[in-house]
C-alpha atoms as a PDB file:
ATOM      1  CA  MET A   1       9.108-103.725  38.233  1.00  0.00           C
ATOM      2  CA  SER A   2       6.831-101.301  36.421  1.00  0.00           C
ATOM      3  CA  THR A   3       7.300-100.801  32.691  1.00  0.00           C
ATOM      4  CA  GLU A   4       5.943 -97.264  32.877  1.00  0.00           C
ATOM      5  CA  VAL A   5       8.334 -94.438  32.205  1.00  0.00           C
ATOM      6  CA  MET A   6       7.368 -90.992  33.412  1.00  0.00           C
ATOM      7  CA  CYS A   7       8.458 -88.142  31.260  1.00  0.00           C
ATOM      8  CA  THR A   8       8.068 -84.411  31.513  1.00  0.00           C
ATOM      9  CA  TRP A   9       7.225 -83.977  27.840  1.00  0.00           C
ATOM     10  CA  ILE A  10       3.728 -82.430  27.856  1.00  0.00           C
ATOM     11  CA  GLY A  11       2.958 -84.266  31.093  1.00  0.00           C
ATOM     12  CA  HIS A  12       2.212 -87.660  29.545  1.00  0.00           C
ATOM     13  CA  CYS A  13       3.213 -91.154  30.570  1.00  0.00           C
ATOM     14  CA  PHE A  14       4.421 -93.567  27.943  1.00  0.00           C
ATOM     15  CA  ARG A  15       4.625 -97.352  28.147  1.00  0.00           C
ATOM     16  CA  ASN A  16       8.131 -98.700  27.814  1.00  0.00           C
ATOM     17  CA  LYS A  17       7.654-102.049  26.058  1.00  0.00           C
ATOM     18  CA  ASN A  18      10.827-103.309  24.412  1.00  0.00           C
ATOM     19  CA  ASN A  19      12.258 -99.778  24.586  1.00  0.00           C
ATOM     20  CA  GLU A  20       9.410 -98.369  22.446  1.00  0.00           C
ATOM     21  CA  ASN A  21       8.420 -94.809  23.268  1.00  0.00           C
ATOM     22  CA  GLU A  22      11.349 -94.470  25.654  1.00  0.00           C
ATOM     23  CA  PRO A  23      12.223 -90.854  26.373  1.00  0.00           C
ATOM     24  CA  ASP A  24      15.613 -89.577  25.293  1.00  0.00           C
ATOM     25  CA  LEU A  25      18.004 -87.841  27.695  1.00  0.00           C
ATOM     26  CA  THR A  26      15.902 -84.668  27.685  1.00  0.00           C
ATOM     27  CA  GLY A  27      12.831 -86.597  28.848  1.00  0.00           C
ATOM     28  CA  ARG A  28      11.154 -86.330  25.470  1.00  0.00           C
ATOM     29  CA  VAL A  29       9.927 -89.088  23.269  1.00  0.00           C
ATOM     30  CA  PRO A  30      11.411 -89.002  19.745  1.00  0.00           C
ATOM     31  CA  GLU A  31       8.985 -87.450  17.254  1.00  0.00           C
ATOM     32  CA  LYS A  32       8.426 -90.631  15.245  1.00  0.00           C
ATOM     33  CA  LYS A  33       7.666 -92.655  18.401  1.00  0.00           C
ATOM     34  CA  ARG A  34       5.085 -90.395  20.038  1.00  0.00           C
ATOM     35  CA  LEU A  35       1.811 -92.111  20.765  1.00  0.00           C
ATOM     36  CA  MET A  36      -0.426 -89.371  19.389  1.00  0.00           C
ATOM     37  CA  ALA A  37      -0.371 -87.896  15.912  1.00  0.00           C
ATOM     38  CA  MET A  38       1.242 -84.454  15.958  1.00  0.00           C
ATOM     39  CA  LYS A  39       2.625 -81.667  13.873  1.00  0.00           C
ATOM     40  CA  ARG A  40       5.712 -79.612  14.630  1.00  0.00           C
ATOM     41  CA  LEU A  41       5.737 -76.032  13.405  1.00  0.00           C
ATOM     42  CA  CYS A  42       8.655 -73.615  13.723  1.00  0.00           C
ATOM     43  CA  PHE A  43       8.504 -69.844  13.458  1.00  0.00           C
ATOM     44  CA  THR A  44      10.887 -66.933  13.633  1.00  0.00           C
ATOM     45  CA  CYS A  45      10.315 -63.335  14.690  1.00  0.00           C
ATOM     46  CA  ASP A  46      12.602 -60.402  15.410  1.00  0.00           C
ATOM     47  CA  LEU A  47      12.629 -58.225  18.480  1.00  0.00           C
ATOM     48  CA  LYS A  48      13.543 -54.569  18.298  1.00  0.00           C
ATOM     49  CA  ASN A  49      17.312 -54.422  18.665  1.00  0.00           C
ATOM     50  CA  ASN A  50      17.268 -52.717  22.066  1.00  0.00           C
ATOM     51  CA  PRO A  51      18.715 -54.594  25.079  1.00  0.00           C
ATOM     52  CA  GLU A  52      16.229 -53.028  27.525  1.00  0.00           C
ATOM     53  CA  LEU A  53      13.229 -53.989  25.360  1.00  0.00           C
ATOM     54  CA  ILE A  54      14.607 -57.496  24.869  1.00  0.00           C
ATOM     55  CA  GLU A  55      14.965 -57.965  28.643  1.00  0.00           C
ATOM     56  CA  LYS A  56      11.403 -56.730  29.192  1.00  0.00           C
ATOM     57  CA  TYR A  57      10.131 -59.160  26.528  1.00  0.00           C
ATOM     58  CA  LYS A  58      11.945 -61.995  28.300  1.00  0.00           C
ATOM     59  CA  GLU A  59      10.369 -60.933  31.607  1.00  0.00           C
ATOM     60  CA  TYR A  60       6.874 -61.143  30.100  1.00  0.00           C
ATOM     61  CA  HIS A  61       7.642 -64.706  29.019  1.00  0.00           C
ATOM     62  CA  HIS A  62       9.016 -65.855  32.367  1.00  0.00           C
ATOM     63  CA  ARG A  63       6.710 -68.472  33.887  1.00  0.00           C
ATOM     64  CA  SER A  64       5.892 -66.217  36.835  1.00  0.00           C
ATOM     65  CA  ASN A  65       4.635 -63.476  34.483  1.00  0.00           C
ATOM     66  CA  THR A  66       2.686 -65.386  31.857  1.00  0.00           C
ATOM     67  CA  TRP A  67      -0.972 -64.557  31.459  1.00  0.00           C
ATOM     68  CA  PRO A  68      -3.066 -67.657  32.216  1.00  0.00           C
ATOM     69  CA  GLU A  69      -5.625 -66.622  29.596  1.00  0.00           C
ATOM     70  CA  ILE A  70      -2.914 -66.697  26.933  1.00  0.00           C
ATOM     71  CA  THR A  71      -1.762 -70.156  27.988  1.00  0.00           C
ATOM     72  CA  LYS A  72      -5.381 -71.320  27.939  1.00  0.00           C
ATOM     73  CA  SER A  73      -5.980 -69.927  24.432  1.00  0.00           C
ATOM     74  CA  ILE A  74      -2.817 -71.617  23.145  1.00  0.00           C
ATOM     75  CA  ARG A  75      -3.893 -74.971  24.592  1.00  0.00           C
ATOM     76  CA  GLU A  76      -7.491 -74.607  23.329  1.00  0.00           C
ATOM     77  CA  ALA A  77      -6.156 -74.057  19.798  1.00  0.00           C
ATOM     78  CA  GLY A  78      -4.475 -77.476  19.897  1.00  0.00           C
ATOM     79  CA  VAL A  79      -0.921 -76.553  20.855  1.00  0.00           C
ATOM     80  CA  LEU A  80       0.552 -79.271  23.059  1.00  0.00           C
ATOM     81  CA  GLN A  81       4.010 -77.799  23.623  1.00  0.00           C
ATOM     82  CA  MET A  82       5.613 -74.470  22.796  1.00  0.00           C
ATOM     83  CA  GLU A  83       9.157 -73.256  23.290  1.00  0.00           C
ATOM     84  CA  ILE A  84      10.689 -69.903  22.344  1.00  0.00           C
ATOM     85  CA  PHE A  85      14.436 -69.387  22.004  1.00  0.00           C
ATOM     86  CA  LEU A  86      16.380 -66.145  21.607  1.00  0.00           C
ATOM     87  CA  ALA A  87      19.659 -65.397  19.785  1.00  0.00           C
ATOM     88  CA  GLY A  88      20.540 -61.711  19.668  1.00  0.00           C
ATOM     89  CA  ASN A  89      17.209 -60.154  18.729  1.00  0.00           C
ATOM     90  CA  ARG A  90      15.948 -63.154  16.700  1.00  0.00           C
ATOM     91  CA  LEU A  91      13.295 -65.409  18.227  1.00  0.00           C
ATOM     92  CA  PHE A  92      12.737 -69.039  17.275  1.00  0.00           C
ATOM     93  CA  MET A  93       9.519 -70.778  18.330  1.00  0.00           C
ATOM     94  CA  ILE A  94       8.790 -74.507  18.220  1.00  0.00           C
ATOM     95  CA  MET A  95       5.158 -75.604  18.458  1.00  0.00           C
ATOM     96  CA  ASP A  96       4.109 -79.221  18.782  1.00  0.00           C
ATOM     97  CA  THR A  97       0.423 -79.394  17.968  1.00  0.00           C
ATOM     98  CA  LYS A  98      -2.373 -81.876  17.595  1.00  0.00           C
ATOM     99  CA  ASP A  99      -2.463 -83.388  14.125  1.00  0.00           C
ATOM    100  CA  ASP A 100      -5.644 -81.476  13.239  1.00  0.00           C
ATOM    101  CA  PHE A 101      -4.188 -78.106  14.311  1.00  0.00           C
ATOM    102  CA  SER A 102      -4.937 -75.282  11.888  1.00  0.00           C
ATOM    103  CA  LEU A 103      -3.131 -71.937  11.792  1.00  0.00           C
ATOM    104  CA  GLU A 104      -6.188 -70.405  10.168  1.00  0.00           C
ATOM    105  CA  ARG A 105      -8.442 -71.630  12.984  1.00  0.00           C
ATOM    106  CA  LYS A 106      -5.970 -70.321  15.589  1.00  0.00           C
ATOM    107  CA  GLU A 107      -5.912 -66.912  13.899  1.00  0.00           C
ATOM    108  CA  LEU A 108      -9.730 -66.774  13.984  1.00  0.00           C
ATOM    109  CA  MET A 109      -9.797 -67.796  17.645  1.00  0.00           C
ATOM    110  CA  ASP A 110      -7.192 -65.135  18.482  1.00  0.00           C
ATOM    111  CA  ALA A 111      -9.088 -62.432  16.566  1.00  0.00           C
ATOM    112  CA  GLU A 112     -12.194 -63.144  18.657  1.00  0.00           C
ATOM    113  CA  ASN A 113     -10.354 -63.120  22.003  1.00  0.00           C
ATOM    114  CA  SER A 114      -9.940 -59.621  23.472  1.00  0.00           C
ATOM    115  CA  ILE A 115      -7.275 -60.758  25.953  1.00  0.00           C
ATOM    116  CA  VAL A 116      -5.181 -62.282  23.161  1.00  0.00           C
ATOM    117  CA  GLN A 117      -5.572 -59.024  21.244  1.00  0.00           C
ATOM    118  CA  ARG A 118      -4.332 -57.062  24.293  1.00  0.00           C
ATOM    119  CA  TRP A 119      -1.349 -59.433  24.598  1.00  0.00           C
ATOM    120  CA  GLU A 120      -0.522 -59.120  20.894  1.00  0.00           C
ATOM    121  CA  SER A 121      -0.721 -55.344  21.123  1.00  0.00           C
ATOM    122  CA  LEU A 122       1.598 -55.351  24.135  1.00  0.00           C
ATOM    123  CA  MET A 123       4.099 -57.718  22.467  1.00  0.00           C
ATOM    124  CA  GLY A 124       3.995 -55.519  19.367  1.00  0.00           C
ATOM    125  CA  LYS A 125       5.937 -52.922  21.357  1.00  0.00           C
ATOM    126  CA  TYR A 126       8.886 -55.327  21.441  1.00  0.00           C
ATOM    127  CA  GLN A 127       8.591 -57.235  18.163  1.00  0.00           C
ATOM    128  CA  GLN A 128       9.431 -56.080  14.665  1.00  0.00           C
ATOM    129  CA  THR A 129       8.759 -57.527  11.259  1.00  0.00           C
ATOM    130  CA  PRO A 130      11.748 -59.487   9.907  1.00  0.00           C
ATOM    131  CA  GLU A 131      13.091 -57.864   6.739  1.00  0.00           C
ATOM    132  CA  PHE A 132      12.335 -60.943   4.595  1.00  0.00           C
ATOM    133  CA  THR A 133       8.615 -61.228   5.374  1.00  0.00           C
ATOM    134  CA  ARG A 134       5.634 -60.744   3.153  1.00  0.00           C
ATOM    135  CA  ASN A 135       2.461 -58.984   4.273  1.00  0.00           C
ATOM    136  CA  GLY A 136       4.046 -57.544   7.423  1.00  0.00           C
ATOM    137  CA  GLU A 137       3.746 -60.768   9.414  1.00  0.00           C
ATOM    138  CA  LYS A 138       5.848 -60.869  12.572  1.00  0.00           C
ATOM    139  CA  TRP A 139       5.948 -64.602  13.292  1.00  0.00           C
ATOM    140  CA  VAL A 140       7.054 -66.309  10.075  1.00  0.00           C
ATOM    141  CA  LEU A 141       6.523 -70.029   9.494  1.00  0.00           C
ATOM    142  CA  MET A 142       9.876 -71.663   8.763  1.00  0.00           C
ATOM    143  CA  GLU A 143      10.611 -74.362   6.194  1.00  0.00           C
ATOM    144  CA  LYS A 144      12.163 -77.588   7.503  1.00  0.00           C
ATOM    145  CA  ILE A 145      15.216 -78.418   5.414  1.00  0.00           C
ATOM    146  CA  TYR A 146      16.858 -81.223   7.430  1.00  0.00           C
ATOM    147  CA  ASP A 147      15.727 -84.108   9.623  1.00  0.00           C
ATOM    148  CA  LEU A 148      18.336 -86.438  11.126  1.00  0.00           C
ATOM    149  CA  GLU A 149      15.699 -89.026  11.942  1.00  0.00           C
ATOM    150  CA  GLU A 150      14.767 -89.333   8.258  1.00  0.00           C
ATOM    151  CA  LEU A 151      18.328 -90.490   7.540  1.00  0.00           C
ATOM    152  CA  GLY A 152      17.892 -93.561   9.722  1.00  0.00           C
ATOM    153  CA  VAL A 153      20.136 -94.891  12.418  1.00  0.00           C
ATOM    154  CA  LEU A 154      23.823 -95.150  11.576  1.00  0.00           C
ATOM    155  CA  LYS A 155      25.529 -98.247  12.906  1.00  0.00           C
END
């Protein structure tokens, strides 16, 4: 019997030797057991509090409506996985990136990409600056304040 476990997490296969790197119930490998060095970054952003605009924003992010050039630019910057969640008009984004990922480098790449600039301009119609931000930034890097895995396994 093969010891390979297929998992949907970023399309990789992981070896299952003595239960190492075994995916959890979601098909993901726990952060501390991933085979490649990574960073996880989380951001928040607010949408304009208008149900019609929020629905339109969600439509733009549906897999059938995504712009392939945007996906390509995200991948080229070193983002391995990205998820965006919505609660009311507050967005929450999780980015798993290569260990050498740099926000500054991504910002420079985005500034030089006219398609990314068009996308950002379009999304600006739906997004608003959260009231607690500095410098008018829309996507705000969040501070991690808790990590269950750091507590160890309870027996």
